[in-house]
Amino acid sequence: MRTLLVYSNDHVGSTMSGPGIRAYHFARELAGSFEVTLMAPNAVDLSLERVEVAPAVAPGEVARTAGRFDAVVAQYLPLSAMRRLARSDVRVVYDLYVPLLGEYLGMADATAASVEGARLVQRAALATGDAFVCAGERQRDLWLGMLAALGRIDLDRYRRDPSLRGLIDVVPFGLPEAPPVAGDAVLKGVLPGIRGSDKVLLWGGGIWNWLDPLTVIRAVERLSRLRGDVKLVFLGLDHPQVGRMQMADRAIELARSLEVLDRFVFFRPGWLPYEERQAFLLEADLGVSAHFDTFETRFAFRTRLLDYLWAGLPIVTTGGDELGDLVLRRGLGRVVVAEDVGGWVDAIQELLENREAYETARAGLAGAGDDFSWPRVVEPLARLLATPGARVDGPSLRPEELGLRLRSAYEAAGARGVAAKLARRARRAVFRRRS
């Protein structure tokens, strides 16, 4: 049986977010076809049948470690490992479900070097990977354009594979096959400030800098003047690996300034364990998600909306992304224009007060998550990984990598930092020539 390394850049365990969840399920589902090893940057506290869990290695050791496997799947690897594996027979499939550049552009503390670094990592993956997967057809259009610009699509490849599905295919985020199961009450009548009769709007997942919790908070503040039973709950503040983002602090401060904090708007500290989310989903009345009109939004795949589908929870979300289009097309709730507070108020009011509208959305949700079961969505990835690896002759990005390192040094320490970086590079070159 072929050996496979599932390399996770994100935390995998009882508490994890999208990238870690995806790596965890990739490892589980592919264990029937490969001898799978899962490598994560933390001690994994979940048991996985037929999967070996390995501790992370230093960046300089990733290529050597990955080179022992027949195939590797990862979001990205250290740049040196990408280059070395491209020159080997290891089959490398990069998972492009998170367009890194879009997220880095949305970071409040983004610098020119950090954005350039994200762009370079994505270009390196596209230049060196044997094949790729992404979360949806809109993302696939983005990556096909970039692959074409990098010269990865030529006449020979087209004649062998006109659809180019052998180069890049769609693997959406998945859902468990079994429906969620209700347990003890966790929100209504339990969380101080939320009564058993209240209507709960659930923000499932983290509060990232490129998302827009502020508009939803303002809408709930307006609703609080009309009715006292609408409560907004944010499930996660502190990511298990990266901590709390600036937008989370902004959201808390806005709720405090509008005098709705812990009265109509609630923030659950920490990070909800993965298996516990179903109880919160089943108690909520609406699932909400909001974002700005940005480049990131256009190619995003909001995985929290899939949990709402799983739980049969009617959705109110900002439009502009692929899953927002799904909500609109199938009538799974309401889709609102970015930063439209009045639109959010109207959408929430309609679904909570118009029983027919609410039940219509619920009916549309029945079976909507079936297409996203993990065994089904992973099938294209298994097919891509089963193909033997080959040397990849992509464009060289070494000059860009050096330029990025120098720019980062300049932003961190000015001209002196650049001089020190160049001096270290010269010493290493002399050492290599002598050895």
Protein backbone atom coordinates (compact mmCIF):
# COMPACT_ATOMS: atom_id res chain seq x y z
CA MET A 1 0.00 0.00 0.00
CA ARG A 2 1.28 3.49 -0.87
CA THR A 3 2.38 5.69 2.01
CA LEU A 4 0.90 9.16 2.53
CA LEU A 5 1.91 12.09 4.73
CA VAL A 6 -0.90 14.48 5.68
CA TYR A 7 0.99 17.60 6.76
CA SER A 8 -1.06 20.09 8.77
CA ASN A 9 0.06 23.69 9.21
CA ASP A 10 -2.64 24.19 11.84
CA HIS A 11 -3.50 22.75 15.24
CA VAL A 12 -5.15 19.30 15.14
CA GLY A 13 -6.93 18.01 18.22
CA SER A 14 -10.03 18.28 20.37
CA THR A 15 -9.95 22.04 19.72
CA MET A 16 -9.20 23.00 16.12
CA SER A 17 -10.32 25.30 13.34
CA GLY A 18 -10.85 24.81 9.60
CA PRO A 19 -7.37 23.82 8.34
CA GLY A 20 -6.80 21.42 11.22
CA ILE A 21 -10.28 19.90 10.85
CA ARG A 22 -9.63 19.39 7.16
CA ALA A 23 -6.28 17.66 7.75
CA TYR A 24 -7.85 15.46 10.44
CA HIS A 25 -10.63 14.27 8.13
CA PHE A 26 -8.27 13.83 5.17
CA ALA A 27 -6.18 11.50 7.31
CA ARG A 28 -9.23 9.55 8.52
CA GLU A 29 -10.84 9.12 5.11
CA LEU A 30 -7.66 8.31 3.20
CA ALA A 31 -6.53 5.66 5.69
CA GLY A 32 -8.55 3.09 3.76
CA SER A 33 -6.45 3.63 0.63
CA PHE A 34 -3.02 4.60 2.01
CA GLU A 35 -0.76 4.01 4.97
CA VAL A 36 -1.34 7.45 6.45
CA THR A 37 0.83 9.50 8.78
CA LEU A 38 -0.56 12.77 10.15
CA MET A 39 1.94 15.45 11.14
CA ALA A 40 0.72 18.51 13.09
CA PRO A 41 2.45 21.37 14.94
CA ASN A 42 1.03 20.19 18.29
CA ALA A 43 0.53 17.05 20.34
CA VAL A 44 -2.64 15.55 18.86
CA ASP A 45 -5.06 14.53 21.62
CA LEU A 46 -7.47 12.63 19.36
CA SER A 47 -7.24 8.97 18.43
CA LEU A 48 -7.32 8.11 14.74
CA GLU A 49 -7.77 4.52 13.69
CA ARG A 50 -5.24 3.26 11.13
CA VAL A 51 -3.41 6.62 11.20
CA GLU A 52 0.05 7.14 12.65
CA VAL A 53 0.47 10.54 14.32
CA ALA A 54 3.96 12.02 14.08
CA PRO A 55 5.40 15.08 15.84
CA ALA A 56 6.30 18.09 13.75
CA VAL A 57 9.89 18.44 12.57
CA ALA A 58 12.01 21.55 12.10
CA PRO A 59 11.42 23.41 8.79
CA GLY A 60 14.82 22.30 7.51
CA GLU A 61 13.89 18.65 8.07
CA VAL A 62 10.49 18.70 6.33
CA ALA A 63 11.82 17.77 2.88
CA ARG A 64 13.89 14.87 4.23
CA THR A 65 10.93 13.56 6.24
CA ALA A 66 8.37 13.99 3.46
CA GLY A 67 10.76 12.38 0.99
CA ARG A 68 10.23 9.01 2.73
CA PHE A 69 6.60 8.88 1.60
CA ASP A 70 5.04 8.06 -1.75
CA ALA A 71 2.67 11.06 -1.53
CA VAL A 72 2.13 14.20 0.53
CA VAL A 73 -0.91 16.44 0.94
CA ALA A 74 -0.49 19.86 2.58
CA GLN A 75 -1.71 23.41 2.38
CA TYR A 76 1.88 24.50 2.01
CA LEU A 77 5.37 23.50 3.10
CA PRO A 78 8.56 25.46 3.81
CA LEU A 79 9.82 26.93 0.54
CA SER A 80 12.98 24.81 0.60
CA ALA A 81 10.89 21.66 1.01
CA MET A 82 8.65 22.64 -1.90
CA ARG A 83 11.69 23.00 -4.15
CA ARG A 84 13.33 19.74 -3.06
CA LEU A 85 10.17 17.64 -3.32
CA ALA A 86 9.51 19.02 -6.81
CA ARG A 87 12.80 17.44 -7.86
CA SER A 88 11.80 14.05 -6.43
CA ASP A 89 9.35 11.28 -7.30
CA VAL A 90 7.14 12.08 -4.28
CA ARG A 91 3.60 12.91 -5.36
CA VAL A 92 2.71 16.28 -3.76
CA VAL A 93 -0.85 17.61 -3.78
CA TYR A 94 -1.37 21.09 -2.35
CA ASP A 95 -4.71 21.95 -0.76
CA LEU A 96 -5.57 25.49 -1.86
CA TYR A 97 -8.88 25.78 -0.02
CA VAL A 98 -7.63 28.88 1.84
CA PRO A 99 -6.36 31.57 -0.56
CA LEU A 100 -3.60 32.82 1.74
CA LEU A 101 -3.10 36.11 -0.05
CA GLY A 102 -6.70 37.19 0.55
CA GLU A 103 -6.45 36.53 4.28
CA TYR A 104 -3.10 38.29 4.67
CA LEU A 105 -4.42 41.34 2.83
CA GLY A 106 -7.19 41.49 5.42
CA MET A 107 -4.90 41.35 8.43
CA ALA A 108 -4.99 44.52 10.53
CA ASP A 109 -1.22 44.27 11.14
CA ALA A 110 -0.30 43.28 7.58
CA THR A 111 3.00 44.56 6.20
CA ALA A 112 4.28 44.63 2.65
CA ALA A 113 6.62 41.76 3.51
CA SER A 114 3.91 39.58 5.10
CA VAL A 115 1.62 40.02 2.10
CA GLU A 116 4.51 39.34 -0.26
CA GLY A 117 5.35 36.25 1.78
CA ALA A 118 1.82 34.88 1.40
CA ARG A 119 1.90 35.53 -2.34
CA LEU A 120 5.27 33.81 -2.67
CA VAL A 121 4.12 30.74 -0.72
CA GLN A 122 1.11 30.39 -2.99
CA ARG A 123 3.19 30.84 -6.13
CA ALA A 124 5.71 28.28 -4.87
CA ALA A 125 2.96 25.72 -4.26
CA LEU A 126 1.48 26.33 -7.72
CA ALA A 127 4.92 26.13 -9.33
CA THR A 128 6.04 22.92 -7.62
CA GLY A 129 2.96 20.80 -6.87
CA ASP A 130 2.08 17.70 -8.86
CA ALA A 131 -1.63 18.48 -8.46
CA PHE A 132 -4.00 20.63 -6.43
CA VAL A 133 -7.40 20.67 -4.76
CA CYS A 134 -9.57 23.61 -3.73
CA ALA A 135 -12.96 24.11 -2.08
CA GLY A 136 -15.21 25.17 -4.96
CA GLU A 137 -15.55 25.97 -8.64
CA ARG A 138 -15.04 29.71 -8.09
CA GLN A 139 -11.75 29.02 -6.35
CA ARG A 140 -10.83 26.62 -9.13
CA ASP A 141 -11.23 29.42 -11.67
CA LEU A 142 -8.80 31.54 -9.63
CA TRP A 143 -6.18 28.80 -9.44
CA LEU A 144 -6.54 27.80 -13.10
CA GLY A 145 -5.77 31.37 -14.07
CA MET A 146 -2.70 31.43 -11.87
CA LEU A 147 -1.52 28.03 -13.10
CA ALA A 148 -1.87 29.22 -16.68
CA ALA A 149 0.13 32.37 -15.90
CA LEU A 150 2.89 30.23 -14.39
CA GLY A 151 3.10 28.07 -17.52
CA ARG A 152 1.70 24.94 -15.83
CA ILE A 153 -0.97 24.48 -18.53
CA ASP A 154 0.41 23.58 -21.93
CA LEU A 155 -0.72 21.80 -25.10
CA ASP A 156 0.50 18.37 -24.01
CA ARG A 157 -1.36 18.53 -20.69
CA TYR A 158 -4.51 19.82 -22.36
CA ARG A 159 -4.52 17.01 -24.92
CA ARG A 160 -4.13 14.43 -22.16
CA ASP A 161 -6.69 16.03 -19.84
CA PRO A 162 -8.93 18.70 -21.47
CA SER A 163 -10.90 19.26 -18.24
CA LEU A 164 -7.64 19.70 -16.28
CA ARG A 165 -9.25 17.78 -13.40
CA GLY A 166 -6.04 15.78 -13.23
CA LEU A 167 -4.24 19.01 -12.36
CA ILE A 168 -6.73 20.65 -10.03
CA ASP A 169 -10.07 19.37 -8.75
CA VAL A 170 -12.65 20.44 -6.19
CA VAL A 171 -12.69 19.02 -2.65
CA PRO A 172 -15.14 21.09 -0.58
CA PHE A 173 -14.99 21.25 3.18
CA GLY A 174 -16.89 18.24 4.47
CA LEU A 175 -19.48 17.26 7.05
CA PRO A 176 -20.00 14.15 9.21
CA GLU A 177 -22.31 11.56 7.69
CA ALA A 178 -24.27 11.20 10.95
CA PRO A 179 -26.61 14.06 11.93
CA PRO A 180 -25.79 16.15 15.02
CA VAL A 181 -27.08 14.85 18.34
CA ALA A 182 -28.61 17.04 21.03
CA GLY A 183 -27.25 16.77 24.55
CA ASP A 184 -27.65 18.82 27.69
CA ALA A 185 -28.72 22.44 27.30
CA VAL A 186 -25.75 24.74 26.73
CA LEU A 187 -27.30 28.12 25.86
CA LYS A 188 -30.94 28.74 26.65
CA GLY A 189 -31.55 28.93 30.38
CA VAL A 190 -27.88 28.07 30.96
CA LEU A 191 -25.77 31.00 29.79
CA PRO A 192 -26.45 33.96 32.10
CA GLY A 193 -28.56 36.51 30.23
CA ILE A 194 -30.19 34.03 27.83
CA ARG A 195 -33.65 32.77 28.76
CA GLY A 196 -35.24 29.56 27.60
CA SER A 197 -37.66 31.52 25.40
CA ASP A 198 -35.02 33.71 23.72
CA LYS A 199 -34.11 33.56 20.03
CA VAL A 200 -30.40 32.80 19.60
CA LEU A 201 -28.32 33.94 16.63
CA LEU A 202 -25.18 31.80 16.55
CA TRP A 203 -21.86 32.99 15.08
CA GLY A 204 -20.10 29.65 14.74
CA GLY A 205 -16.32 29.83 14.53
CA GLY A 206 -13.73 32.53 15.03
CA ILE A 207 -13.83 36.29 14.63
CA TRP A 208 -11.19 36.90 11.97
CA ASN A 209 -9.99 40.29 10.80
CA TRP A 210 -11.54 39.84 7.35
CA LEU A 211 -14.98 39.09 8.80
CA ASP A 212 -17.59 41.66 9.86
CA PRO A 213 -19.11 40.97 13.28
CA LEU A 214 -19.63 44.72 13.73
CA THR A 215 -22.60 44.97 11.36
CA VAL A 216 -24.35 42.04 13.07
CA ILE A 217 -23.78 43.59 16.51
CA ARG A 218 -25.24 46.90 15.33
CA ALA A 219 -28.25 45.06 13.92
CA VAL A 220 -28.83 43.25 17.22
CA GLU A 221 -28.57 46.56 19.09
CA ARG A 222 -31.34 47.98 16.87
CA LEU A 223 -33.43 44.88 17.41
CA SER A 224 -32.97 45.18 21.18
CA ARG A 225 -35.00 48.40 21.05
CA LEU A 226 -37.87 46.53 19.38
CA ARG A 227 -37.83 43.21 21.25
CA GLY A 228 -35.91 41.80 24.18
CA ASP A 229 -35.54 38.19 23.09
CA VAL A 230 -32.93 38.29 20.30
CA LYS A 231 -29.48 37.23 21.57
CA LEU A 232 -26.27 36.97 19.54
CA VAL A 233 -23.65 34.42 20.66
CA PHE A 234 -20.09 34.25 19.32
CA LEU A 235 -18.69 30.75 19.83
CA GLY A 236 -14.96 31.35 19.60
CA LEU A 237 -12.62 34.17 20.60
CA ASP A 238 -9.19 32.58 20.95
CA HIS A 239 -7.86 30.35 18.18
CA PRO A 240 -5.91 27.39 19.64
CA GLN A 241 -2.79 28.31 17.63
CA VAL A 242 -2.90 32.02 16.69
CA GLY A 243 -4.87 33.39 19.63
CA ARG A 244 -7.22 36.36 19.41
CA MET A 245 -7.35 38.64 16.37
CA GLN A 246 -7.88 42.40 16.47
CA MET A 247 -11.39 42.15 15.05
CA ALA A 248 -12.48 40.16 18.11
CA ASP A 249 -11.37 42.98 20.39
CA ARG A 250 -13.13 45.50 18.16
CA ALA A 251 -16.34 43.47 18.35
CA ILE A 252 -16.22 43.30 22.16
CA GLU A 253 -15.56 47.03 22.41
CA LEU A 254 -18.43 47.86 20.05
CA ALA A 255 -20.85 45.69 22.03
CA ARG A 256 -19.70 47.41 25.22
CA SER A 257 -20.07 50.90 23.75
CA LEU A 258 -23.60 50.10 22.52
CA GLU A 259 -24.45 48.74 25.98
CA VAL A 260 -25.45 45.30 24.67
CA LEU A 261 -22.46 43.30 25.96
CA ASP A 262 -23.64 40.37 28.10
CA ARG A 263 -27.21 41.58 27.65
CA PHE A 264 -27.90 40.93 23.97
CA VAL A 265 -24.41 40.07 22.65
CA PHE A 266 -22.33 37.31 24.25
CA PHE A 267 -18.78 36.13 23.58
CA ARG A 268 -17.77 32.64 24.61
CA PRO A 269 -14.11 32.77 25.74
CA GLY A 270 -11.53 30.28 24.53
CA TRP A 271 -12.25 27.87 21.69
CA LEU A 272 -15.10 25.36 21.57
CA PRO A 273 -14.00 21.69 21.38
CA TYR A 274 -14.81 20.33 17.94
CA GLU A 275 -17.18 17.58 19.07
CA GLU A 276 -19.17 19.94 21.34
CA ARG A 277 -20.32 22.33 18.61
CA GLN A 278 -23.38 20.26 17.72
CA ALA A 279 -25.16 21.06 21.00
CA PHE A 280 -24.81 24.81 20.34
CA LEU A 281 -25.93 24.44 16.73
CA LEU A 282 -29.05 22.52 17.70
CA GLU A 283 -30.10 25.07 20.31
CA ALA A 284 -29.70 28.11 18.05
CA ASP A 285 -32.52 29.61 15.99
CA LEU A 286 -30.41 31.20 13.23
CA GLY A 287 -26.84 30.74 12.05
CA VAL A 288 -25.11 34.00 11.09
CA SER A 289 -21.94 34.96 9.24
CA ALA A 290 -20.89 38.36 7.89
CA HIS A 291 -17.97 39.70 5.92
CA PHE A 292 -16.85 42.73 3.95
CA ASP A 293 -16.87 43.19 0.18
CA THR A 294 -13.23 42.28 -0.45
CA PHE A 295 -10.95 40.16 -2.58
CA GLU A 296 -10.90 37.57 0.24
CA THR A 297 -14.69 37.30 0.17
CA ARG A 298 -14.87 36.61 -3.54
CA PHE A 299 -12.91 33.36 -3.20
CA ALA A 300 -13.78 32.39 0.38
CA PHE A 301 -15.47 29.17 1.41
CA ARG A 302 -17.07 29.89 4.80
CA THR A 303 -16.89 26.52 6.49
CA ARG A 304 -19.09 27.61 9.42
CA LEU A 305 -22.03 27.79 6.99
CA LEU A 306 -21.63 24.06 6.37
CA ASP A 307 -22.18 23.40 10.08
CA TYR A 308 -25.44 25.36 9.81
CA LEU A 309 -26.44 23.09 6.91
CA TRP A 310 -25.52 20.03 8.99
CA ALA A 311 -27.75 21.18 11.85
CA GLY A 312 -30.65 22.32 9.62
CA LEU A 313 -30.18 25.87 10.93
CA PRO A 314 -31.62 28.69 8.75
CA ILE A 315 -28.89 31.12 7.74
CA VAL A 316 -28.45 34.87 7.52
CA THR A 317 -25.20 35.79 5.79
CA THR A 318 -23.51 38.45 3.72
CA GLY A 319 -23.45 37.70 0.01
CA GLY A 320 -20.50 37.63 -2.36
CA ASP A 321 -18.95 34.24 -1.62
CA GLU A 322 -19.69 30.76 -2.97
CA LEU A 323 -21.68 29.47 0.00
CA GLY A 324 -23.65 32.72 0.17
CA ASP A 325 -24.69 31.98 -3.41
CA LEU A 326 -25.78 28.50 -2.28
CA VAL A 327 -27.95 29.97 0.49
CA LEU A 328 -29.58 32.34 -2.00
CA ARG A 329 -30.03 29.73 -4.73
CA ARG A 330 -31.61 27.09 -2.48
CA GLY A 331 -33.55 29.46 -0.22
CA LEU A 332 -31.74 28.35 2.95
CA GLY A 333 -32.24 31.69 4.70
CA ARG A 334 -31.49 35.28 3.77
CA VAL A 335 -28.50 36.91 2.06
CA VAL A 336 -27.67 40.54 2.90
CA VAL A 337 -25.50 43.19 1.21
CA ALA A 338 -22.17 43.85 2.93
CA GLU A 339 -22.33 46.31 5.88
CA ASP A 340 -26.11 46.82 5.51
CA VAL A 341 -27.31 47.07 9.11
CA GLY A 342 -30.91 47.67 8.07
CA GLY A 343 -30.81 44.66 5.77
CA TRP A 344 -29.62 42.49 8.65
CA VAL A 345 -32.41 43.77 10.90
CA ASP A 346 -35.02 43.02 8.23
CA ALA A 347 -33.65 39.55 7.46
CA ILE A 348 -33.52 38.51 11.12
CA GLN A 349 -36.97 39.93 11.80
CA GLU A 350 -38.52 38.16 8.82
CA LEU A 351 -37.15 34.74 9.69
CA LEU A 352 -38.01 35.03 13.38
CA GLU A 353 -41.49 36.50 12.94
CA ASN A 354 -42.69 34.84 9.73
CA ARG A 355 -43.15 31.18 10.54
CA GLU A 356 -43.72 30.25 6.90
CA ALA A 357 -40.44 31.89 5.82
CA TYR A 358 -38.59 30.10 8.61
CA GLU A 359 -40.06 26.69 7.80
CA THR A 360 -39.39 27.19 4.08
CA ALA A 361 -35.70 27.71 4.88
CA ARG A 362 -35.73 24.65 7.15
CA ALA A 363 -37.29 22.56 4.40
CA GLY A 364 -34.60 23.69 1.95
CA LEU A 365 -31.92 22.67 4.44
CA ALA A 366 -33.18 19.08 4.60
CA GLY A 367 -30.54 17.03 2.79
CA ALA A 368 -28.56 20.13 1.74
CA GLY A 369 -25.47 18.82 3.51
CA ASP A 370 -25.53 15.38 1.89
CA ASP A 371 -23.28 16.49 -0.97
CA PHE A 372 -20.64 17.50 1.58
CA SER A 373 -20.14 14.24 3.50
CA TRP A 374 -16.43 13.66 4.13
CA PRO A 375 -16.22 10.26 2.35
CA ARG A 376 -17.78 11.80 -0.75
CA VAL A 377 -15.80 15.05 -0.92
CA VAL A 378 -12.42 13.34 -0.41
CA GLU A 379 -12.81 11.06 -3.46
CA PRO A 380 -11.12 13.46 -5.95
CA LEU A 381 -8.18 13.90 -3.57
CA ALA A 382 -7.72 10.14 -3.25
CA ARG A 383 -7.67 9.88 -7.05
CA LEU A 384 -5.08 12.63 -7.42
CA LEU A 385 -2.85 11.13 -4.73
CA ALA A 386 -2.97 7.65 -6.27
CA THR A 387 -1.17 8.83 -9.43
CA PRO A 388 2.62 8.28 -9.33
CA GLY A 389 4.73 11.35 -8.68
CA ALA A 390 7.15 12.89 -11.15
CA ARG A 391 9.67 15.69 -11.32
CA VAL A 392 7.99 19.09 -11.65
CA ASP A 393 9.79 21.69 -13.72
CA GLY A 394 8.06 24.82 -12.51
CA PRO A 395 9.46 28.37 -12.69
CA SER A 396 12.29 29.21 -10.29
CA LEU A 397 11.29 31.57 -7.49
CA ARG A 398 14.68 31.84 -5.78
CA PRO A 399 15.25 35.54 -6.68
CA GLU A 400 11.80 36.42 -5.29
CA GLU A 401 12.51 34.47 -2.12
CA LEU A 402 15.78 36.34 -1.57
CA GLY A 403 14.04 39.66 -2.22
CA LEU A 404 11.37 38.82 0.35
CA ARG A 405 13.95 37.90 2.98
CA LEU A 406 15.73 41.20 2.43
CA ARG A 407 12.49 43.18 2.61
CA SER A 408 11.53 41.43 5.84
CA ALA A 409 14.94 42.21 7.29
CA TYR A 410 14.57 45.86 6.30
CA GLU A 411 11.11 46.16 7.89
CA ALA A 412 12.41 44.53 11.06
CA ALA A 413 15.81 46.23 11.45
CA GLY A 414 16.37 48.73 8.63
CA ALA A 415 19.48 48.89 6.45
CA ARG A 416 21.60 47.29 9.19
CA GLY A 417 19.31 44.25 9.17
CA VAL A 418 19.68 43.89 5.38
CA ALA A 419 23.46 44.14 5.66
CA ALA A 420 23.52 41.44 8.34
CA LYS A 421 21.28 39.19 6.22
CA LEU A 422 23.56 39.56 3.19
CA ALA A 423 26.64 38.90 5.31
CA ARG A 424 25.17 35.67 6.67
CA ARG A 425 24.23 34.59 3.16
CA ALA A 426 27.78 35.26 1.93
CA ARG A 427 29.29 33.25 4.80
CA ARG A 428 27.05 30.27 4.03
CA ALA A 429 28.03 30.42 0.34
CA VAL A 430 31.74 30.43 1.24
CA PHE A 431 31.21 27.51 3.62
CA ARG A 432 29.40 25.46 0.97
CA ARG A 433 32.19 26.02 -1.55
CA ARG A 434 34.84 24.90 0.96
CA SER A 435 32.96 21.81 2.11
